[in-house]
Amino acid sequence: MEEILISLVPYFLLQHPVLYSFSITLLLEKMPERFFFINVLLFVLLELLKGWSGFLLTIFMFEIYFYIKRNSSSRLLKIPFLFSITLPFILLLSGGFLYKHIYILKNDIRGISVVSDNLEYIDAVEMLSDRLTNFSTAAGVYSRYDSVVDIAKLQNEYAEIKGFFRPLVPNFIMENKSFSALNNSAMLAFFPDYRDDSSVDLGFVMYYYVLFESRVSDAFLSLFLSFFLCVVLSVIFKILSKNNQNINLLIFIMIFSLLYTSSNEMVFARGNIIILFYIPMLFLFGIARVKIKSVAIK
């Protein structure tokens, strides 16, 4: 039974709404009104019940984007340093109160007990700020650079390229999936029993700083694949929608994710590329339609 479930991972991956819901939202020319709030609420509940919380920040950023788009002449947008200092400062301080309860809830769902009295407000602010940057992880990897490189050399020679295909290819085609790409093996220098299905964000510079030292061929191929996928997906997104502002934001998020996470498996195979599998469905249900000179999502 376990082997059957594992072989169905690509199918379950396609049913993971967090992978394509944000992309679909930006591809739409007009936000749907009927049942939209209910769908968002169900999506939030689903992700919370799985023990995740990072999607809330993405939703918050999307709301800011659509608010700016609807209210471009608002006085609020004229506040000095609104997006560079004011808003991030307010988000960090106010988010500390909320993140404390979210952190306890999501760990409780994961089976990890966190005592509320032991988690102070300043601790929640620190954890929230740590979620907004990969600096601490990158700095930790740099502090144990030699160990991280040595462990990376022990992994599959083309772990990054194979990792990209791992979630997309069924087990009967790709039988060996028990290898660690750098986004996983880097943590083995700190935690030898680190779970093989977990991932960390090292940042583009640190990721390839280690990868070029440990597996040069894999590093070059991974860079080429990243560039190729960025170009191809950008062209497809541009073709699918006339919403140029939305598409530019979607492309920015994709590039930002690549610079922040750097793993092709996490950014593309478990993220942006999933939308390609839904293109036939978009045509089937009338969401997308072919025009004389273009394809548009209405």
C-alpha atoms as a PDB file:
ATOM      1  CA  MET A   1       0.000   0.000   0.000  1.00  0.00           C
ATOM      2  CA  GLU A   2       2.824   2.405   0.882  1.00  0.00           C
ATOM      3  CA  GLU A   3       4.478   1.822  -2.508  1.00  0.00           C
ATOM      4  CA  ILE A   4       1.170   2.530  -4.271  1.00  0.00           C
ATOM      5  CA  LEU A   5       0.713   5.807  -2.384  1.00  0.00           C
ATOM      6  CA  ILE A   6       4.276   6.886  -3.118  1.00  0.00           C
ATOM      7  CA  SER A   7       3.789   6.158  -6.823  1.00  0.00           C
ATOM      8  CA  LEU A   8       0.772   8.496  -6.790  1.00  0.00           C
ATOM      9  CA  VAL A   9       2.764  11.457  -5.438  1.00  0.00           C
ATOM     10  CA  PRO A  10       2.690  13.343  -8.791  1.00  0.00           C
ATOM     11  CA  TYR A  11      -1.117  13.069  -8.819  1.00  0.00           C
ATOM     12  CA  PHE A  12      -1.472  14.316  -5.242  1.00  0.00           C
ATOM     13  CA  LEU A  13       0.999  17.098  -6.027  1.00  0.00           C
ATOM     14  CA  LEU A  14      -1.324  18.362  -8.749  1.00  0.00           C
ATOM     15  CA  GLN A  15      -4.159  18.479  -6.223  1.00  0.00           C
ATOM     16  CA  HIS A  16      -2.199  20.715  -3.844  1.00  0.00           C
ATOM     17  CA  PRO A  17      -4.002  24.081  -4.181  1.00  0.00           C
ATOM     18  CA  VAL A  18      -1.240  26.227  -2.711  1.00  0.00           C
ATOM     19  CA  LEU A  19       0.916  25.396  -5.746  1.00  0.00           C
ATOM     20  CA  TYR A  20      -1.369  26.951  -8.330  1.00  0.00           C
ATOM     21  CA  SER A  21      -3.999  29.067  -6.555  1.00  0.00           C
ATOM     22  CA  PHE A  22      -1.838  32.216  -6.453  1.00  0.00           C
ATOM     23  CA  SER A  23      -0.819  31.783 -10.099  1.00  0.00           C
ATOM     24  CA  ILE A  24      -4.433  31.366 -11.223  1.00  0.00           C
ATOM     25  CA  THR A  25      -5.417  34.463  -9.220  1.00  0.00           C
ATOM     26  CA  LEU A  26      -2.884  36.597 -11.079  1.00  0.00           C
ATOM     27  CA  LEU A  27      -3.695  35.068 -14.465  1.00  0.00           C
ATOM     28  CA  LEU A  28      -7.362  36.029 -14.191  1.00  0.00           C
ATOM     29  CA  GLU A  29      -8.351  39.221 -15.984  1.00  0.00           C
ATOM     30  CA  LYS A  30     -11.137  39.823 -13.479  1.00  0.00           C
ATOM     31  CA  MET A  31     -11.376  38.572  -9.929  1.00  0.00           C
ATOM     32  CA  PRO A  32     -14.342  36.156  -9.567  1.00  0.00           C
ATOM     33  CA  GLU A  33     -16.976  37.308  -7.086  1.00  0.00           C
ATOM     34  CA  ARG A  34     -19.243  34.298  -6.631  1.00  0.00           C
ATOM     35  CA  PHE A  35     -18.037  32.022  -3.803  1.00  0.00           C
ATOM     36  CA  PHE A  36     -14.594  33.672  -3.937  1.00  0.00           C
ATOM     37  CA  PHE A  37     -14.495  34.471  -0.210  1.00  0.00           C
ATOM     38  CA  ILE A  38     -15.685  30.955   0.644  1.00  0.00           C
ATOM     39  CA  ASN A  39     -12.991  29.427  -1.558  1.00  0.00           C
ATOM     40  CA  VAL A  40     -10.296  31.547   0.092  1.00  0.00           C
ATOM     41  CA  LEU A  41     -11.595  30.633   3.564  1.00  0.00           C
ATOM     42  CA  LEU A  42     -11.584  26.910   2.725  1.00  0.00           C
ATOM     43  CA  PHE A  43      -8.079  27.250   1.322  1.00  0.00           C
ATOM     44  CA  VAL A  44      -6.852  28.957   4.508  1.00  0.00           C
ATOM     45  CA  LEU A  45      -8.443  26.290   6.721  1.00  0.00           C
ATOM     46  CA  LEU A  46      -6.938  23.501   4.608  1.00  0.00           C
ATOM     47  CA  GLU A  47      -3.419  24.921   4.847  1.00  0.00           C
ATOM     48  CA  LEU A  48      -3.731  25.606   8.590  1.00  0.00           C
ATOM     49  CA  LEU A  49      -4.946  22.063   9.219  1.00  0.00           C
ATOM     50  CA  LYS A  50      -1.804  20.816   7.480  1.00  0.00           C
ATOM     51  CA  GLY A  51       0.330  22.868   9.864  1.00  0.00           C
ATOM     52  CA  TRP A  52       1.449  25.568   7.426  1.00  0.00           C
ATOM     53  CA  SER A  53       1.409  29.321   7.933  1.00  0.00           C
ATOM     54  CA  GLY A  54       3.694  30.938   5.324  1.00  0.00           C
ATOM     55  CA  PHE A  55       0.835  31.236   2.827  1.00  0.00           C
ATOM     56  CA  LEU A  56      -0.808  33.869   5.075  1.00  0.00           C
ATOM     57  CA  LEU A  57       1.998  36.304   4.305  1.00  0.00           C
ATOM     58  CA  THR A  58       1.547  35.675   0.576  1.00  0.00           C
ATOM     59  CA  ILE A  59      -2.187  36.385   0.848  1.00  0.00           C
ATOM     60  CA  PHE A  60      -1.394  39.575   2.778  1.00  0.00           C
ATOM     61  CA  MET A  61       0.993  40.721   0.041  1.00  0.00           C
ATOM     62  CA  PHE A  62      -1.600  39.949  -2.613  1.00  0.00           C
ATOM     63  CA  GLU A  63      -4.199  42.006  -0.758  1.00  0.00           C
ATOM     64  CA  ILE A  64      -1.791  44.955  -0.622  1.00  0.00           C
ATOM     65  CA  TYR A  65      -1.135  44.615  -4.347  1.00  0.00           C
ATOM     66  CA  PHE A  66      -4.847  44.548  -5.257  1.00  0.00           C
ATOM     67  CA  TYR A  67      -5.559  47.423  -2.855  1.00  0.00           C
ATOM     68  CA  ILE A  68      -2.925  49.555  -4.597  1.00  0.00           C
ATOM     69  CA  LYS A  69      -4.332  48.559  -7.967  1.00  0.00           C
ATOM     70  CA  ARG A  70      -7.878  49.575  -6.957  1.00  0.00           C
ATOM     71  CA  ASN A  71      -6.917  52.701  -5.003  1.00  0.00           C
ATOM     72  CA  SER A  72      -3.931  54.174  -6.801  1.00  0.00           C
ATOM     73  CA  SER A  73      -4.920  57.706  -5.717  1.00  0.00           C
ATOM     74  CA  SER A  74      -5.412  56.848  -2.036  1.00  0.00           C
ATOM     75  CA  ARG A  75      -3.790  59.172   0.519  1.00  0.00           C
ATOM     76  CA  LEU A  76      -2.520  56.159   2.422  1.00  0.00           C
ATOM     77  CA  LEU A  77      -0.178  55.396  -0.456  1.00  0.00           C
ATOM     78  CA  LYS A  78       1.415  58.831  -0.064  1.00  0.00           C
ATOM     79  CA  ILE A  79       2.757  58.107   3.434  1.00  0.00           C
ATOM     80  CA  PRO A  80       6.570  58.596   3.342  1.00  0.00           C
ATOM     81  CA  PHE A  81       8.593  55.364   3.228  1.00  0.00           C
ATOM     82  CA  LEU A  82       5.351  53.363   3.382  1.00  0.00           C
ATOM     83  CA  PHE A  83       6.635  50.161   1.781  1.00  0.00           C
ATOM     84  CA  SER A  84      10.314  50.394   2.673  1.00  0.00           C
ATOM     85  CA  ILE A  85      10.044  51.155   6.411  1.00  0.00           C
ATOM     86  CA  THR A  86       6.569  51.952   7.771  1.00  0.00           C
ATOM     87  CA  LEU A  87       4.577  48.928   6.598  1.00  0.00           C
ATOM     88  CA  PRO A  88       7.297  46.312   7.307  1.00  0.00           C
ATOM     89  CA  PHE A  89       7.768  47.790  10.800  1.00  0.00           C
ATOM     90  CA  ILE A  90       4.022  47.646  11.542  1.00  0.00           C
ATOM     91  CA  LEU A  91       3.790  44.148  10.070  1.00  0.00           C
ATOM     92  CA  LEU A  92       6.640  42.867  12.210  1.00  0.00           C
ATOM     93  CA  LEU A  93       5.422  44.362  15.496  1.00  0.00           C
ATOM     94  CA  SER A  94       1.742  43.512  15.057  1.00  0.00           C
ATOM     95  CA  GLY A  95       2.529  40.152  13.470  1.00  0.00           C
ATOM     96  CA  GLY A  96       4.335  39.077  16.625  1.00  0.00           C
ATOM     97  CA  PHE A  97       1.044  38.874  18.532  1.00  0.00           C
ATOM     98  CA  LEU A  98      -0.632  36.854  15.794  1.00  0.00           C
ATOM     99  CA  TYR A  99       2.331  34.634  14.971  1.00  0.00           C
ATOM    100  CA  LYS A 100       2.612  33.456  18.578  1.00  0.00           C
ATOM    101  CA  HIS A 101      -0.808  31.796  18.371  1.00  0.00           C
ATOM    102  CA  ILE A 102      -0.287  30.562  14.807  1.00  0.00           C
ATOM    103  CA  TYR A 103       3.055  29.025  15.793  1.00  0.00           C
ATOM    104  CA  ILE A 104       1.475  27.163  18.712  1.00  0.00           C
ATOM    105  CA  LEU A 105      -1.443  25.995  16.545  1.00  0.00           C
ATOM    106  CA  LYS A 106       0.613  24.720  13.620  1.00  0.00           C
ATOM    107  CA  ASN A 107       3.050  22.869  15.890  1.00  0.00           C
ATOM    108  CA  ASP A 108       0.135  21.328  17.773  1.00  0.00           C
ATOM    109  CA  ILE A 109      -1.204  20.065  14.428  1.00  0.00           C
ATOM    110  CA  ARG A 110       2.245  18.636  13.678  1.00  0.00           C
ATOM    111  CA  GLY A 111       2.246  16.848  17.026  1.00  0.00           C
ATOM    112  CA  ILE A 112       4.765  19.181  18.671  1.00  0.00           C
ATOM    113  CA  SER A 113       3.766  20.605  22.036  1.00  0.00           C
ATOM    114  CA  VAL A 114       4.622  24.272  22.621  1.00  0.00           C
ATOM    115  CA  VAL A 115       3.740  25.816  25.985  1.00  0.00           C
ATOM    116  CA  SER A 116       2.197  29.251  25.534  1.00  0.00           C
ATOM    117  CA  ASP A 117       3.771  30.647  28.713  1.00  0.00           C
ATOM    118  CA  ASN A 118       7.245  29.762  27.442  1.00  0.00           C
ATOM    119  CA  LEU A 119       6.759  31.730  24.233  1.00  0.00           C
ATOM    120  CA  GLU A 120       7.145  35.451  24.846  1.00  0.00           C
ATOM    121  CA  TYR A 121       6.122  38.211  22.457  1.00  0.00           C
ATOM    122  CA  ILE A 122       9.740  39.035  21.625  1.00  0.00           C
ATOM    123  CA  ASP A 123      10.323  35.349  20.782  1.00  0.00           C
ATOM    124  CA  ALA A 124       7.402  35.432  18.342  1.00  0.00           C
ATOM    125  CA  VAL A 125       8.747  38.613  16.722  1.00  0.00           C
ATOM    126  CA  GLU A 126      12.171  37.004  16.389  1.00  0.00           C
ATOM    127  CA  MET A 127      10.718  33.855  14.797  1.00  0.00           C
ATOM    128  CA  LEU A 128       8.568  35.917  12.439  1.00  0.00           C
ATOM    129  CA  SER A 129      11.530  38.039  11.347  1.00  0.00           C
ATOM    130  CA  ASP A 130      13.514  34.847  10.813  1.00  0.00           C
ATOM    131  CA  ARG A 131      10.753  33.592   8.497  1.00  0.00           C
ATOM    132  CA  LEU A 132      11.112  36.740   6.397  1.00  0.00           C
ATOM    133  CA  THR A 133      14.788  36.186   5.631  1.00  0.00           C
ATOM    134  CA  ASN A 134      17.154  33.292   4.934  1.00  0.00           C
ATOM    135  CA  PHE A 135      20.113  35.127   6.450  1.00  0.00           C
ATOM    136  CA  SER A 136      20.353  32.955   9.577  1.00  0.00           C
ATOM    137  CA  THR A 137      20.328  29.736   7.529  1.00  0.00           C
ATOM    138  CA  ALA A 138      22.872  31.045   5.018  1.00  0.00           C
ATOM    139  CA  ALA A 139      25.111  32.323   7.822  1.00  0.00           C
ATOM    140  CA  GLY A 140      24.898  28.959   9.584  1.00  0.00           C
ATOM    141  CA  VAL A 141      25.858  27.110   6.399  1.00  0.00           C
ATOM    142  CA  TYR A 142      28.782  29.482   5.866  1.00  0.00           C
ATOM    143  CA  SER A 143      29.993  28.841   9.422  1.00  0.00           C
ATOM    144  CA  ARG A 144      30.193  25.108   8.631  1.00  0.00           C
ATOM    145  CA  TYR A 145      31.049  25.486   4.978  1.00  0.00           C
ATOM    146  CA  ASP A 146      33.607  22.655   4.795  1.00  0.00           C
ATOM    147  CA  SER A 147      31.255  20.161   6.446  1.00  0.00           C
ATOM    148  CA  VAL A 148      28.357  21.176   4.193  1.00  0.00           C
ATOM    149  CA  VAL A 149      30.542  20.788   1.080  1.00  0.00           C
ATOM    150  CA  ASP A 150      31.845  17.380   2.205  1.00  0.00           C
ATOM    151  CA  ILE A 151      28.299  16.111   2.785  1.00  0.00           C
ATOM    152  CA  ALA A 152      27.131  17.530  -0.560  1.00  0.00           C
ATOM    153  CA  LYS A 153      29.930  15.637  -2.338  1.00  0.00           C
ATOM    154  CA  LEU A 154      28.601  12.372  -0.903  1.00  0.00           C
ATOM    155  CA  GLN A 155      25.204  12.864  -2.532  1.00  0.00           C
ATOM    156  CA  ASN A 156      24.142  11.859  -6.033  1.00  0.00           C
ATOM    157  CA  GLU A 157      26.333  13.559  -8.648  1.00  0.00           C
ATOM    158  CA  TYR A 158      23.300  15.127 -10.354  1.00  0.00           C
ATOM    159  CA  ALA A 159      21.030  15.427  -7.330  1.00  0.00           C
ATOM    160  CA  GLU A 160      19.791  18.901  -8.318  1.00  0.00           C
ATOM    161  CA  ILE A 161      18.680  17.861 -11.805  1.00  0.00           C
ATOM    162  CA  LYS A 162      17.185  14.587 -10.607  1.00  0.00           C
ATOM    163  CA  GLY A 163      15.521  16.452  -7.753  1.00  0.00           C
ATOM    164  CA  PHE A 164      13.623  18.561 -10.269  1.00  0.00           C
ATOM    165  CA  PHE A 165      12.038  15.438 -11.780  1.00  0.00           C
ATOM    166  CA  ARG A 166      11.466  13.697  -8.430  1.00  0.00           C
ATOM    167  CA  PRO A 167       7.969  15.072  -7.650  1.00  0.00           C
ATOM    168  CA  LEU A 168       6.828  14.942 -11.288  1.00  0.00           C
ATOM    169  CA  VAL A 169       7.876  11.450 -12.399  1.00  0.00           C
ATOM    170  CA  PRO A 170       6.092   8.333 -11.029  1.00  0.00           C
ATOM    171  CA  ASN A 171       8.064   5.758  -9.053  1.00  0.00           C
ATOM    172  CA  PHE A 172       7.823   3.040 -11.695  1.00  0.00           C
ATOM    173  CA  ILE A 173       9.801   5.307 -14.036  1.00  0.00           C
ATOM    174  CA  MET A 174      12.128   6.932 -11.506  1.00  0.00           C
ATOM    175  CA  GLU A 175      12.720   4.184  -8.977  1.00  0.00           C
ATOM    176  CA  ASN A 176      15.431   5.816  -6.869  1.00  0.00           C
ATOM    177  CA  LYS A 177      14.198   8.980  -5.180  1.00  0.00           C
ATOM    178  CA  SER A 178      16.079   8.543  -1.919  1.00  0.00           C
ATOM    179  CA  PHE A 179      18.747  11.176  -2.481  1.00  0.00           C
ATOM    180  CA  SER A 180      19.294  14.617  -1.009  1.00  0.00           C
ATOM    181  CA  ALA A 181      19.640  17.789  -3.028  1.00  0.00           C
ATOM    182  CA  LEU A 182      21.526  20.681  -1.452  1.00  0.00           C
ATOM    183  CA  ASN A 183      18.397  22.272   0.031  1.00  0.00           C
ATOM    184  CA  ASN A 184      18.164  19.164   2.221  1.00  0.00           C
ATOM    185  CA  SER A 185      21.722  17.873   2.619  1.00  0.00           C
ATOM    186  CA  ALA A 186      22.989  21.257   3.880  1.00  0.00           C
ATOM    187  CA  MET A 187      21.164  20.698   7.169  1.00  0.00           C
ATOM    188  CA  LEU A 188      22.822  17.314   7.717  1.00  0.00           C
ATOM    189  CA  ALA A 189      25.910  19.210   8.891  1.00  0.00           C
ATOM    190  CA  PHE A 190      23.812  20.445  11.818  1.00  0.00           C
ATOM    191  CA  PHE A 191      21.284  17.641  12.305  1.00  0.00           C
ATOM    192  CA  PRO A 192      22.489  14.192  11.127  1.00  0.00           C
ATOM    193  CA  ASP A 193      18.944  12.822  11.459  1.00  0.00           C
ATOM    194  CA  TYR A 194      17.373  15.672   9.463  1.00  0.00           C
ATOM    195  CA  ARG A 195      14.279  14.462   7.611  1.00  0.00           C
ATOM    196  CA  ASP A 196      14.862  13.725   3.926  1.00  0.00           C
ATOM    197  CA  ASP A 197      11.527  15.317   2.968  1.00  0.00           C
ATOM    198  CA  SER A 198      12.379  18.701   4.500  1.00  0.00           C
ATOM    199  CA  SER A 199      13.909  21.709   2.803  1.00  0.00           C
ATOM    200  CA  VAL A 200      15.647  24.941   3.763  1.00  0.00           C
ATOM    201  CA  ASP A 201      16.114  28.221   1.903  1.00  0.00           C
ATOM    202  CA  LEU A 202      19.802  29.057   1.495  1.00  0.00           C
ATOM    203  CA  GLY A 203      19.583  31.945  -0.931  1.00  0.00           C
ATOM    204  CA  PHE A 204      20.998  32.008  -4.455  1.00  0.00           C
ATOM    205  CA  VAL A 205      24.539  33.094  -3.533  1.00  0.00           C
ATOM    206  CA  MET A 206      25.110  30.557  -0.755  1.00  0.00           C
ATOM    207  CA  TYR A 207      23.344  27.782  -2.662  1.00  0.00           C
ATOM    208  CA  TYR A 208      25.640  27.991  -5.672  1.00  0.00           C
ATOM    209  CA  TYR A 209      28.671  28.891  -3.584  1.00  0.00           C
ATOM    210  CA  VAL A 210      28.386  25.423  -2.039  1.00  0.00           C
ATOM    211  CA  LEU A 211      27.168  23.673  -5.187  1.00  0.00           C
ATOM    212  CA  PHE A 212      30.038  24.858  -7.406  1.00  0.00           C
ATOM    213  CA  GLU A 213      32.493  23.659  -4.770  1.00  0.00           C
ATOM    214  CA  SER A 214      30.875  20.239  -4.413  1.00  0.00           C
ATOM    215  CA  ARG A 215      29.320  19.321  -7.806  1.00  0.00           C
ATOM    216  CA  VAL A 216      30.383  21.626 -10.656  1.00  0.00           C
ATOM    217  CA  SER A 217      28.514  19.866 -13.477  1.00  0.00           C
ATOM    218  CA  ASP A 218      25.340  19.747 -11.416  1.00  0.00           C
ATOM    219  CA  ALA A 219      25.710  23.459 -10.654  1.00  0.00           C
ATOM    220  CA  PHE A 220      26.015  24.463 -14.331  1.00  0.00           C
ATOM    221  CA  LEU A 221      23.090  22.267 -15.381  1.00  0.00           C
ATOM    222  CA  SER A 222      20.970  23.567 -12.515  1.00  0.00           C
ATOM    223  CA  LEU A 223      21.696  27.182 -13.471  1.00  0.00           C
ATOM    224  CA  PHE A 224      20.810  26.497 -17.103  1.00  0.00           C
ATOM    225  CA  LEU A 225      17.574  24.761 -16.075  1.00  0.00           C
ATOM    226  CA  SER A 226      16.607  27.693 -13.832  1.00  0.00           C
ATOM    227  CA  PHE A 227      17.183  30.206 -16.631  1.00  0.00           C
ATOM    228  CA  PHE A 228      15.359  28.052 -19.185  1.00  0.00           C
ATOM    229  CA  LEU A 229      12.314  27.527 -16.952  1.00  0.00           C
ATOM    230  CA  CYS A 230      12.126  31.218 -16.047  1.00  0.00           C
ATOM    231  CA  VAL A 231      12.099  32.223 -19.722  1.00  0.00           C
ATOM    232  CA  VAL A 232       9.622  29.543 -20.819  1.00  0.00           C
ATOM    233  CA  LEU A 233       7.182  30.151 -17.956  1.00  0.00           C
ATOM    234  CA  SER A 234       7.378  33.921 -18.413  1.00  0.00           C
ATOM    235  CA  VAL A 235       6.479  33.567 -22.100  1.00  0.00           C
ATOM    236  CA  ILE A 236       3.606  31.179 -21.312  1.00  0.00           C
ATOM    237  CA  PHE A 237       2.209  33.474 -18.604  1.00  0.00           C
ATOM    238  CA  LYS A 238       2.395  36.440 -20.982  1.00  0.00           C
ATOM    239  CA  ILE A 239       0.517  34.481 -23.655  1.00  0.00           C
ATOM    240  CA  LEU A 240      -2.161  33.224 -21.264  1.00  0.00           C
ATOM    241  CA  SER A 241      -3.220  36.580 -19.902  1.00  0.00           C
ATOM    242  CA  LYS A 242      -3.608  40.196 -21.015  1.00  0.00           C
ATOM    243  CA  ASN A 243      -3.174  41.332 -17.406  1.00  0.00           C
ATOM    244  CA  ASN A 244       0.356  42.646 -17.884  1.00  0.00           C
ATOM    245  CA  GLN A 245       0.644  44.136 -14.385  1.00  0.00           C
ATOM    246  CA  ASN A 246      -0.497  40.897 -12.760  1.00  0.00           C
ATOM    247  CA  ILE A 247       1.775  38.808 -14.947  1.00  0.00           C
ATOM    248  CA  ASN A 248       4.746  41.025 -14.135  1.00  0.00           C
ATOM    249  CA  LEU A 249       4.035  40.449 -10.438  1.00  0.00           C
ATOM    250  CA  LEU A 250       3.746  36.698 -11.016  1.00  0.00           C
ATOM    251  CA  ILE A 251       7.078  36.670 -12.852  1.00  0.00           C
ATOM    252  CA  PHE A 252       8.641  38.784 -10.095  1.00  0.00           C
ATOM    253  CA  ILE A 253       7.428  36.303  -7.453  1.00  0.00           C
ATOM    254  CA  MET A 254       8.867  33.424  -9.481  1.00  0.00           C
ATOM    255  CA  ILE A 255      12.275  35.106  -9.808  1.00  0.00           C
ATOM    256  CA  PHE A 256      12.237  36.191  -6.162  1.00  0.00           C
ATOM    257  CA  SER A 257      11.459  32.601  -5.094  1.00  0.00           C
ATOM    258  CA  LEU A 258      14.362  31.382  -7.199  1.00  0.00           C
ATOM    259  CA  LEU A 259      16.751  33.870  -5.586  1.00  0.00           C
ATOM    260  CA  TYR A 260      15.409  33.100  -2.112  1.00  0.00           C
ATOM    261  CA  THR A 261      15.129  29.303  -2.311  1.00  0.00           C
ATOM    262  CA  SER A 262      17.263  28.452  -5.390  1.00  0.00           C
ATOM    263  CA  SER A 263      16.178  24.814  -5.553  1.00  0.00           C
ATOM    264  CA  ASN A 264      14.577  24.020  -8.924  1.00  0.00           C
ATOM    265  CA  GLU A 265      12.660  21.209  -7.280  1.00  0.00           C
ATOM    266  CA  MET A 266      11.008  23.514  -4.752  1.00  0.00           C
ATOM    267  CA  VAL A 267      10.565  26.612  -6.937  1.00  0.00           C
ATOM    268  CA  PHE A 268       9.456  24.966 -10.187  1.00  0.00           C
ATOM    269  CA  ALA A 269       8.681  21.243  -9.855  1.00  0.00           C
ATOM    270  CA  ARG A 270       6.655  21.796  -6.681  1.00  0.00           C
ATOM    271  CA  GLY A 271       5.564  25.292  -7.646  1.00  0.00           C
ATOM    272  CA  ASN A 272       5.219  27.336 -10.816  1.00  0.00           C
ATOM    273  CA  ILE A 273       5.466  24.541 -13.361  1.00  0.00           C
ATOM    274  CA  ILE A 274       2.355  22.857 -11.918  1.00  0.00           C
ATOM    275  CA  ILE A 275       0.203  25.451 -13.687  1.00  0.00           C
ATOM    276  CA  LEU A 276       1.218  23.905 -17.038  1.00  0.00           C
ATOM    277  CA  PHE A 277      -0.596  20.691 -16.149  1.00  0.00           C
ATOM    278  CA  TYR A 278      -3.791  22.686 -15.667  1.00  0.00           C
ATOM    279  CA  ILE A 279      -3.765  24.465 -19.024  1.00  0.00           C
ATOM    280  CA  PRO A 280      -5.896  21.724 -20.702  1.00  0.00           C
ATOM    281  CA  MET A 281      -8.380  22.035 -17.813  1.00  0.00           C
ATOM    282  CA  LEU A 282      -8.554  25.804 -18.318  1.00  0.00           C
ATOM    283  CA  PHE A 283      -9.627  25.269 -21.919  1.00  0.00           C
ATOM    284  CA  LEU A 284     -11.967  22.395 -21.044  1.00  0.00           C
ATOM    285  CA  PHE A 285     -13.995  24.426 -18.540  1.00  0.00           C
ATOM    286  CA  GLY A 286     -13.979  27.615 -20.592  1.00  0.00           C
ATOM    287  CA  ILE A 287     -11.649  29.529 -18.286  1.00  0.00           C
ATOM    288  CA  ALA A 288      -9.201  29.966 -21.160  1.00  0.00           C
ATOM    289  CA  ARG A 289     -10.204  30.572 -24.743  1.00  0.00           C
ATOM    290  CA  VAL A 290      -8.323  30.873 -27.994  1.00  0.00           C
ATOM    291  CA  LYS A 291      -8.490  34.194 -29.794  1.00  0.00           C
ATOM    292  CA  ILE A 292      -7.314  34.924 -33.325  1.00  0.00           C
ATOM    293  CA  LYS A 293      -3.962  36.319 -32.202  1.00  0.00           C
ATOM    294  CA  SER A 294      -3.705  35.168 -28.598  1.00  0.00           C
ATOM    295  CA  VAL A 295      -4.886  32.975 -25.778  1.00  0.00           C
ATOM    296  CA  ALA A 296      -6.640  34.779 -22.955  1.00  0.00           C
ATOM    297  CA  ILE A 297      -7.887  33.767 -19.534  1.00  0.00           C
ATOM    298  CA  LYS A 298     -11.102  35.562 -18.798  1.00  0.00           C
END
